[in-house]
């Protein structure tokens, strides 16, 4: 019989990492209380700390806006092309 892979929410992960970073409990006790492997929690902590600077990155928002604008333009071009092809078929 195979075990079903568990998926954890981002909130759950961040809550555990923050609890760990407070220093009130050690890694093994937090992992045991939540029935997860200590290595998994260690990986979440590392990823959390590695990506912490993204929170203060203003260019991230600009990149998202640029991508949305590009997608809108592309969508408009496709709609225009579909309209042209529809007219040709008619």
N, C-alpha and C. Protein backbone atom coordinates (compact mmCIF):
# COMPACT_ATOMS: atom_id res chain seq x y z
N UNK A 1 0.84 -1.17 0.00
CA UNK A 1 0.00 0.00 0.00
C UNK A 1 0.89 1.25 0.00
N UNK A 2 0.54 2.23 -0.80
CA UNK A 2 1.35 3.44 -0.86
C UNK A 2 0.76 4.52 0.04
N UNK A 3 1.64 5.32 0.58
CA UNK A 3 1.19 6.42 1.43
C UNK A 3 0.81 7.61 0.56
N UNK A 4 -0.21 8.31 0.97
CA UNK A 4 -0.63 9.50 0.25
C UNK A 4 0.29 10.65 0.66
N UNK A 5 0.76 11.37 -0.31
CA UNK A 5 1.64 12.51 -0.07
C UNK A 5 0.84 13.66 0.53
N UNK A 6 1.35 14.21 1.62
CA UNK A 6 0.65 15.31 2.28
C UNK A 6 1.09 16.64 1.68
N UNK A 7 0.14 17.54 1.55
CA UNK A 7 0.43 18.89 1.08
C UNK A 7 0.17 19.86 2.22
N UNK A 8 1.10 20.78 2.41
CA UNK A 8 0.98 21.74 3.49
C UNK A 8 0.78 23.13 2.89
N UNK A 9 -0.07 23.91 3.53
CA UNK A 9 -0.32 25.26 3.04
C UNK A 9 0.85 26.17 3.38
N UNK A 10 0.94 27.26 2.65
CA UNK A 10 2.01 28.23 2.90
C UNK A 10 1.86 28.83 4.30
N UNK A 11 0.64 29.03 4.75
CA UNK A 11 0.40 29.58 6.09
C UNK A 11 0.91 28.62 7.15
N UNK A 12 0.62 27.34 7.00
CA UNK A 12 1.08 26.34 7.95
C UNK A 12 2.60 26.33 8.03
N UNK A 13 3.24 26.34 6.86
CA UNK A 13 4.70 26.33 6.81
C UNK A 13 5.28 27.57 7.49
N UNK A 14 4.73 28.73 7.14
CA UNK A 14 5.28 29.97 7.70
C UNK A 14 5.04 30.04 9.21
N UNK A 15 3.89 29.56 9.68
CA UNK A 15 3.62 29.56 11.12
C UNK A 15 4.64 28.71 11.86
N UNK A 16 4.95 27.54 11.32
CA UNK A 16 5.92 26.67 11.97
C UNK A 16 7.32 27.28 11.95
N UNK A 17 7.69 27.88 10.84
CA UNK A 17 9.02 28.50 10.74
C UNK A 17 9.12 29.67 11.71
N UNK A 18 8.08 30.48 11.80
CA UNK A 18 8.10 31.61 12.73
C UNK A 18 8.18 31.12 14.17
N UNK A 19 7.46 30.06 14.47
CA UNK A 19 7.53 29.47 15.81
C UNK A 19 8.96 29.00 16.10
N UNK A 20 9.57 28.43 15.12
CA UNK A 20 10.95 27.96 15.25
C UNK A 20 11.92 29.12 15.44
N UNK A 21 11.71 30.20 14.68
CA UNK A 21 12.59 31.36 14.75
C UNK A 21 12.46 32.12 16.07
N UNK A 22 11.31 32.01 16.73
CA UNK A 22 11.14 32.66 18.03
C UNK A 22 12.12 32.09 19.06
N UNK A 23 12.49 30.82 18.87
CA UNK A 23 13.47 30.21 19.73
C UNK A 23 12.92 29.61 21.01
N UNK A 24 11.61 29.60 21.17
CA UNK A 24 11.02 29.03 22.38
C UNK A 24 11.09 27.50 22.38
N UNK A 25 11.07 26.93 21.18
CA UNK A 25 11.13 25.47 21.04
C UNK A 25 12.21 25.13 20.04
N UNK A 26 12.78 23.95 20.19
CA UNK A 26 13.80 23.54 19.22
C UNK A 26 13.14 22.86 18.02
N UNK A 27 13.93 22.66 17.00
CA UNK A 27 13.44 22.12 15.73
C UNK A 27 12.77 20.76 15.91
N UNK A 28 13.38 19.87 16.67
CA UNK A 28 12.83 18.53 16.84
C UNK A 28 11.48 18.54 17.55
N UNK A 29 11.31 19.39 18.55
CA UNK A 29 10.03 19.41 19.26
C UNK A 29 8.92 19.99 18.39
N UNK A 30 9.23 21.03 17.60
CA UNK A 30 8.22 21.59 16.69
C UNK A 30 7.82 20.56 15.64
N UNK A 31 8.81 19.85 15.12
CA UNK A 31 8.53 18.82 14.11
C UNK A 31 7.69 17.69 14.70
N UNK A 32 8.04 17.24 15.89
CA UNK A 32 7.31 16.14 16.53
C UNK A 32 5.87 16.54 16.84
N UNK A 33 5.67 17.74 17.36
CA UNK A 33 4.33 18.22 17.70
C UNK A 33 3.41 18.27 16.47
N UNK A 34 4.01 18.49 15.30
CA UNK A 34 3.21 18.64 14.08
C UNK A 34 3.31 17.44 13.15
N UNK A 35 3.92 16.37 13.62
CA UNK A 35 4.03 15.10 12.88
C UNK A 35 4.68 15.28 11.50
N UNK A 36 5.78 16.02 11.49
CA UNK A 36 6.55 16.17 10.26
C UNK A 36 8.01 15.83 10.54
N UNK A 37 8.75 15.58 9.50
CA UNK A 37 10.16 15.26 9.63
C UNK A 37 10.97 16.52 9.93
N UNK A 38 11.94 16.43 10.83
CA UNK A 38 12.78 17.60 11.13
C UNK A 38 13.49 18.15 9.89
N UNK A 39 13.90 17.29 8.98
CA UNK A 39 14.57 17.76 7.76
C UNK A 39 13.64 18.62 6.91
N UNK A 40 12.36 18.26 6.87
CA UNK A 40 11.38 19.03 6.12
C UNK A 40 11.26 20.43 6.72
N UNK A 41 11.17 20.50 8.03
CA UNK A 41 11.08 21.79 8.71
C UNK A 41 12.37 22.60 8.51
N UNK A 42 13.50 21.94 8.53
CA UNK A 42 14.79 22.60 8.29
C UNK A 42 14.83 23.20 6.88
N UNK A 43 14.32 22.45 5.91
CA UNK A 43 14.26 22.95 4.52
C UNK A 43 13.33 24.16 4.40
N UNK A 44 12.18 24.10 5.09
CA UNK A 44 11.25 25.23 5.06
C UNK A 44 11.89 26.47 5.66
N UNK A 45 12.63 26.29 6.75
CA UNK A 45 13.29 27.42 7.40
C UNK A 45 14.33 28.04 6.46
N UNK A 46 15.10 27.20 5.81
CA UNK A 46 16.13 27.68 4.89
C UNK A 46 15.49 28.45 3.74
N UNK A 47 14.42 27.89 3.16
CA UNK A 47 13.73 28.55 2.05
C UNK A 47 13.12 29.88 2.50
N UNK A 48 12.55 29.89 3.68
CA UNK A 48 11.95 31.09 4.26
C UNK A 48 12.98 32.20 4.39
N UNK A 49 14.12 31.86 4.94
CA UNK A 49 15.18 32.86 5.14
C UNK A 49 15.80 33.30 3.82
N UNK A 50 15.93 32.38 2.87
CA UNK A 50 16.50 32.73 1.57
C UNK A 50 15.61 33.70 0.80
N UNK A 51 14.31 33.56 0.95
CA UNK A 51 13.38 34.37 0.18
C UNK A 51 12.80 35.55 0.96
N UNK A 52 13.30 35.79 2.15
CA UNK A 52 12.78 36.88 2.99
C UNK A 52 12.97 38.25 2.33
N UNK A 53 14.03 38.44 1.58
CA UNK A 53 14.29 39.73 0.97
C UNK A 53 13.28 40.08 -0.11
N UNK A 54 12.58 39.09 -0.65
CA UNK A 54 11.58 39.33 -1.70
C UNK A 54 10.44 40.19 -1.18
N UNK A 55 10.17 40.11 0.11
CA UNK A 55 9.08 40.88 0.71
C UNK A 55 9.31 42.37 0.51
N UNK A 56 10.56 42.81 0.54
CA UNK A 56 10.87 44.22 0.45
C UNK A 56 11.30 44.64 -0.95
N UNK A 57 11.15 43.79 -1.91
CA UNK A 57 11.58 44.05 -3.28
C UNK A 57 10.47 44.75 -4.05
N UNK A 58 10.66 46.03 -4.36
CA UNK A 58 9.65 46.80 -5.09
C UNK A 58 9.59 46.43 -6.56
N UNK A 59 10.67 45.96 -7.12
CA UNK A 59 10.70 45.62 -8.54
C UNK A 59 9.81 44.42 -8.85
N UNK A 60 9.52 43.61 -7.86
CA UNK A 60 8.65 42.45 -8.06
C UNK A 60 7.28 42.89 -8.53
N UNK A 61 6.75 43.94 -7.91
CA UNK A 61 5.43 44.45 -8.29
C UNK A 61 5.45 45.01 -9.71
N UNK A 62 6.53 45.70 -10.05
CA UNK A 62 6.66 46.25 -11.40
C UNK A 62 6.72 45.14 -12.43
N UNK A 63 7.44 44.07 -12.13
CA UNK A 63 7.53 42.93 -13.05
C UNK A 63 6.17 42.30 -13.28
N UNK A 64 5.38 42.21 -12.24
CA UNK A 64 4.03 41.63 -12.37
C UNK A 64 3.18 42.51 -13.26
N UNK A 65 3.26 43.83 -13.08
CA UNK A 65 2.48 44.75 -13.92
C UNK A 65 2.89 44.64 -15.38
N UNK A 66 4.20 44.57 -15.62
CA UNK A 66 4.70 44.45 -17.00
C UNK A 66 4.18 43.16 -17.64
N UNK A 67 4.22 42.08 -16.91
CA UNK A 67 3.74 40.81 -17.45
C UNK A 67 2.25 40.87 -17.75
N UNK A 68 1.48 41.50 -16.86
CA UNK A 68 0.04 41.63 -17.11
C UNK A 68 -0.24 42.47 -18.34
N UNK A 69 0.51 43.56 -18.50
CA UNK A 69 0.33 44.40 -19.68
C UNK A 69 0.65 43.63 -20.96
N UNK A 70 1.74 42.86 -20.93
CA UNK A 70 2.11 42.06 -22.11
C UNK A 70 1.03 41.03 -22.42
N UNK A 71 0.49 40.40 -21.40
CA UNK A 71 -0.56 39.40 -21.62
C UNK A 71 -1.83 40.04 -22.17
N UNK A 72 -2.17 41.24 -21.70
CA UNK A 72 -3.35 41.94 -22.23
C UNK A 72 -3.17 42.26 -23.71
N UNK A 73 -1.99 42.77 -24.06
CA UNK A 73 -1.72 43.09 -25.46
C UNK A 73 -1.79 41.84 -26.33
N UNK A 74 -1.21 40.77 -25.83
CA UNK A 74 -1.23 39.51 -26.57
C UNK A 74 -2.66 39.01 -26.75
N UNK A 75 -3.46 39.13 -25.70
CA UNK A 75 -4.86 38.70 -25.76
C UNK A 75 -5.63 39.54 -26.78
N UNK A 76 -5.37 40.85 -26.80
CA UNK A 76 -6.03 41.72 -27.77
C UNK A 76 -5.65 41.35 -29.20
N UNK A 77 -4.36 41.03 -29.40
CA UNK A 77 -3.91 40.63 -30.73
C UNK A 77 -4.59 39.34 -31.17
N UNK A 78 -4.72 38.40 -30.26
CA UNK A 78 -5.40 37.14 -30.59
C UNK A 78 -6.87 37.38 -30.92
N UNK A 79 -7.52 38.24 -30.15
CA UNK A 79 -8.93 38.54 -30.40
C UNK A 79 -9.09 39.20 -31.77
N UNK A 80 -8.17 40.08 -32.10
CA UNK A 80 -8.20 40.74 -33.40
C UNK A 80 -8.03 39.71 -34.52
N UNK A 81 -7.08 38.82 -34.35
CA UNK A 81 -6.81 37.78 -35.35
C UNK A 81 -8.02 36.86 -35.51
N UNK A 82 -8.65 36.48 -34.40
CA UNK A 82 -9.85 35.63 -34.46
C UNK A 82 -10.97 36.36 -35.22
N UNK A 83 -11.10 37.65 -34.96
CA UNK A 83 -12.11 38.45 -35.68
C UNK A 83 -11.86 38.47 -37.16
N UNK A 84 -10.60 38.64 -37.55
CA UNK A 84 -10.23 38.66 -38.97
C UNK A 84 -10.52 37.32 -39.62
N UNK A 85 -10.13 36.25 -38.95
CA UNK A 85 -10.35 34.92 -39.51
C UNK A 85 -11.84 34.59 -39.60
N UNK A 86 -12.60 35.06 -38.63
CA UNK A 86 -14.04 34.85 -38.67
C UNK A 86 -14.66 35.56 -39.85
N UNK A 87 -14.20 36.78 -40.12
CA UNK A 87 -14.70 37.54 -41.26
C UNK A 87 -14.34 36.83 -42.58
N UNK A 88 -13.16 36.25 -42.65
CA UNK A 88 -12.74 35.55 -43.87
C UNK A 88 -13.61 34.31 -44.09
N UNK A 89 -13.93 33.61 -43.01
CA UNK A 89 -14.75 32.41 -43.14
C UNK A 89 -16.16 32.77 -43.59
N UNK A 90 -16.70 33.85 -43.06
CA UNK A 90 -18.06 34.28 -43.43
C UNK A 90 -18.05 34.73 -44.87
